[in-house]
Amino acid sequence: MAITDISLNDITDPVELEHLQSLRQFHRLGDDLLFKLARRVTIFRIPSRWVAIRLIIANGIPIPVVRKDHA
């Protein structure tokens, strides 16, 4: 897997942040899981959930499917 040249700086652009927050496939995933997935492409500290999501998208990392509760 090739690593995309992408910033690990925290996201300050409100448009990018709004876009990442709108991606429903990430809503039910916890921060720990997102950091674990993003660490597949970097050994550096990931500063936030949003940077982790940016890395996952940019590098085509598959995300797990979270099943809805059958309560």
N, C-alpha and C. Protein backbone atom coordinates (compact mmCIF):
# COMPACT_ATOMS: atom_id res chain seq x y z
N MET A 1 0.84 -1.17 0.00
CA MET A 1 0.00 0.00 0.00
C MET A 1 0.89 1.23 0.00
N ALA A 2 0.69 2.11 -0.95
CA ALA A 2 1.46 3.35 -1.03
C ALA A 2 0.87 4.39 -0.11
N ILE A 3 1.73 5.13 0.51
CA ILE A 3 1.29 6.18 1.41
C ILE A 3 1.11 7.46 0.61
N THR A 4 -0.08 8.02 0.69
CA THR A 4 -0.36 9.29 0.03
C THR A 4 0.30 10.41 0.81
N ASP A 5 0.86 11.37 0.09
CA ASP A 5 1.47 12.53 0.74
C ASP A 5 0.35 13.39 1.32
N ILE A 6 0.19 13.32 2.62
CA ILE A 6 -0.92 14.01 3.27
C ILE A 6 -0.46 14.57 4.60
N SER A 7 -1.00 15.68 4.96
CA SER A 7 -0.61 16.35 6.20
C SER A 7 -1.18 15.65 7.42
N LEU A 8 -0.37 15.56 8.47
CA LEU A 8 -0.85 15.05 9.75
C LEU A 8 -1.21 16.19 10.70
N ASN A 9 -1.17 17.42 10.18
CA ASN A 9 -1.57 18.57 10.99
C ASN A 9 -3.07 18.50 11.24
N ASP A 10 -3.48 19.01 12.40
CA ASP A 10 -4.90 19.03 12.71
C ASP A 10 -5.64 19.87 11.67
N ILE A 11 -6.87 19.55 11.43
CA ILE A 11 -7.65 20.21 10.38
C ILE A 11 -8.19 21.54 10.89
N THR A 12 -7.86 22.60 10.16
CA THR A 12 -8.33 23.94 10.53
C THR A 12 -9.27 24.52 9.48
N ASP A 13 -9.33 23.92 8.32
CA ASP A 13 -10.21 24.39 7.25
C ASP A 13 -11.65 23.97 7.57
N PRO A 14 -12.56 24.91 7.81
CA PRO A 14 -13.92 24.56 8.18
C PRO A 14 -14.67 23.77 7.10
N VAL A 15 -14.36 24.02 5.84
CA VAL A 15 -15.02 23.29 4.75
C VAL A 15 -14.60 21.82 4.76
N GLU A 16 -13.31 21.56 4.93
CA GLU A 16 -12.84 20.18 4.98
C GLU A 16 -13.40 19.47 6.22
N LEU A 17 -13.41 20.15 7.33
CA LEU A 17 -13.94 19.56 8.56
C LEU A 17 -15.42 19.23 8.41
N GLU A 18 -16.18 20.12 7.83
CA GLU A 18 -17.62 19.86 7.60
C GLU A 18 -17.81 18.66 6.69
N HIS A 19 -16.97 18.56 5.65
CA HIS A 19 -17.05 17.41 4.73
C HIS A 19 -16.78 16.11 5.48
N LEU A 20 -15.71 16.08 6.27
CA LEU A 20 -15.37 14.85 6.99
C LEU A 20 -16.45 14.48 8.00
N GLN A 21 -17.03 15.48 8.66
CA GLN A 21 -18.08 15.22 9.63
C GLN A 21 -19.36 14.69 8.96
N SER A 22 -19.54 14.95 7.69
CA SER A 22 -20.74 14.51 6.98
C SER A 22 -20.65 13.06 6.49
N LEU A 23 -19.49 12.46 6.57
CA LEU A 23 -19.31 11.09 6.06
C LEU A 23 -19.89 10.09 7.05
N ARG A 24 -21.10 9.64 6.77
CA ARG A 24 -21.85 8.80 7.69
C ARG A 24 -21.18 7.47 8.00
N GLN A 25 -20.38 6.94 7.07
CA GLN A 25 -19.77 5.64 7.29
C GLN A 25 -18.81 5.64 8.48
N PHE A 26 -18.42 6.82 8.94
CA PHE A 26 -17.50 6.92 10.07
C PHE A 26 -18.19 7.27 11.39
N HIS A 27 -19.47 7.58 11.36
CA HIS A 27 -20.17 8.04 12.56
C HIS A 27 -20.17 7.03 13.70
N ARG A 28 -20.33 5.77 13.40
CA ARG A 28 -20.44 4.75 14.47
C ARG A 28 -19.09 4.15 14.85
N LEU A 29 -18.03 4.60 14.23
CA LEU A 29 -16.70 4.07 14.54
C LEU A 29 -16.05 4.92 15.64
N GLY A 30 -15.53 4.27 16.64
CA GLY A 30 -14.87 4.98 17.74
C GLY A 30 -13.51 5.51 17.34
N ASP A 31 -13.03 6.47 18.11
CA ASP A 31 -11.73 7.08 17.83
C ASP A 31 -10.60 6.05 17.85
N ASP A 32 -10.62 5.13 18.81
CA ASP A 32 -9.55 4.13 18.90
C ASP A 32 -9.44 3.30 17.63
N LEU A 33 -10.58 2.90 17.08
CA LEU A 33 -10.57 2.11 15.85
C LEU A 33 -10.06 2.95 14.68
N LEU A 34 -10.49 4.19 14.60
CA LEU A 34 -10.02 5.06 13.51
C LEU A 34 -8.51 5.28 13.58
N PHE A 35 -8.00 5.50 14.80
CA PHE A 35 -6.56 5.68 14.96
C PHE A 35 -5.81 4.40 14.56
N LYS A 36 -6.34 3.26 14.94
CA LYS A 36 -5.71 1.98 14.60
C LYS A 36 -5.66 1.79 13.08
N LEU A 37 -6.76 2.09 12.40
CA LEU A 37 -6.79 1.96 10.95
C LEU A 37 -5.83 2.93 10.29
N ALA A 38 -5.80 4.17 10.76
CA ALA A 38 -4.92 5.18 10.16
C ALA A 38 -3.45 4.86 10.41
N ARG A 39 -3.14 4.20 11.52
CA ARG A 39 -1.75 3.85 11.81
C ARG A 39 -1.20 2.82 10.83
N ARG A 40 -2.06 2.25 10.01
CA ARG A 40 -1.57 1.30 9.00
C ARG A 40 -0.71 2.01 7.96
N VAL A 41 -0.85 3.32 7.83
CA VAL A 41 -0.08 4.05 6.82
C VAL A 41 0.90 5.06 7.40
N THR A 42 0.96 5.18 8.71
CA THR A 42 1.93 6.11 9.30
C THR A 42 2.32 5.63 10.69
N ILE A 43 3.55 5.94 11.05
CA ILE A 43 4.00 5.60 12.40
C ILE A 43 3.90 6.82 13.33
N PHE A 44 3.50 7.94 12.75
CA PHE A 44 3.45 9.18 13.51
C PHE A 44 2.16 9.30 14.30
N ARG A 45 2.20 10.16 15.31
CA ARG A 45 1.02 10.42 16.14
C ARG A 45 -0.05 11.09 15.30
N ILE A 46 -1.26 10.59 15.40
CA ILE A 46 -2.40 11.15 14.68
C ILE A 46 -3.13 12.05 15.66
N PRO A 47 -3.22 13.35 15.36
CA PRO A 47 -3.71 14.30 16.37
C PRO A 47 -5.22 14.30 16.62
N SER A 48 -6.02 13.80 15.67
CA SER A 48 -7.45 13.88 15.89
C SER A 48 -8.19 12.84 15.04
N ARG A 49 -9.42 12.65 15.40
CA ARG A 49 -10.33 11.75 14.67
C ARG A 49 -10.39 12.16 13.19
N TRP A 50 -10.43 13.45 12.95
CA TRP A 50 -10.60 13.95 11.59
C TRP A 50 -9.37 13.71 10.72
N VAL A 51 -8.20 13.83 11.29
CA VAL A 51 -6.98 13.52 10.55
C VAL A 51 -6.94 12.02 10.24
N ALA A 52 -7.38 11.20 11.19
CA ALA A 52 -7.43 9.75 10.96
C ALA A 52 -8.36 9.44 9.80
N ILE A 53 -9.53 10.07 9.77
CA ILE A 53 -10.47 9.84 8.67
C ILE A 53 -9.87 10.30 7.36
N ARG A 54 -9.19 11.46 7.37
CA ARG A 54 -8.54 11.96 6.15
C ARG A 54 -7.52 10.94 5.63
N LEU A 55 -6.72 10.35 6.52
CA LEU A 55 -5.73 9.35 6.12
C LEU A 55 -6.40 8.09 5.57
N ILE A 56 -7.45 7.65 6.21
CA ILE A 56 -8.17 6.45 5.77
C ILE A 56 -8.71 6.64 4.37
N ILE A 57 -9.33 7.78 4.11
CA ILE A 57 -9.90 8.06 2.79
C ILE A 57 -8.80 8.19 1.74
N ALA A 58 -7.78 8.96 2.04
CA ALA A 58 -6.72 9.24 1.07
C ALA A 58 -5.94 8.00 0.67
N ASN A 59 -5.87 7.03 1.57
CA ASN A 59 -5.07 5.83 1.29
C ASN A 59 -5.91 4.61 0.99
N GLY A 60 -7.22 4.77 0.85
CA GLY A 60 -8.09 3.66 0.48
C GLY A 60 -8.09 2.52 1.47
N ILE A 61 -7.99 2.84 2.75
CA ILE A 61 -7.99 1.80 3.78
C ILE A 61 -9.42 1.32 3.98
N PRO A 62 -9.67 0.02 3.87
CA PRO A 62 -11.03 -0.48 4.08
C PRO A 62 -11.47 -0.25 5.53
N ILE A 63 -12.73 0.12 5.69
CA ILE A 63 -13.26 0.32 7.04
C ILE A 63 -14.22 -0.82 7.35
N PRO A 64 -14.28 -1.23 8.62
CA PRO A 64 -15.18 -2.32 8.98
C PRO A 64 -16.64 -1.86 8.93
N VAL A 65 -17.51 -2.80 8.68
CA VAL A 65 -18.94 -2.52 8.68
C VAL A 65 -19.45 -2.73 10.10
N VAL A 66 -20.11 -1.72 10.63
CA VAL A 66 -20.67 -1.81 11.98
C VAL A 66 -22.15 -2.15 11.84
N ARG A 67 -22.53 -3.29 12.41
CA ARG A 67 -23.93 -3.72 12.33
C ARG A 67 -24.78 -2.94 13.31
N LYS A 68 -25.99 -2.64 12.90
CA LYS A 68 -26.93 -1.98 13.79
C LYS A 68 -27.39 -2.95 14.86
N ASP A 69 -27.63 -2.45 16.06
CA ASP A 69 -28.11 -3.29 17.16
C ASP A 69 -29.50 -3.81 16.84
N HIS A 70 -29.77 -5.03 17.21
CA HIS A 70 -31.06 -5.64 16.97
C HIS A 70 -31.88 -5.63 18.24
N ALA A 71 -31.95 -4.49 18.91
CA ALA A 71 -32.67 -4.41 20.17
C ALA A 71 -34.13 -4.12 19.97
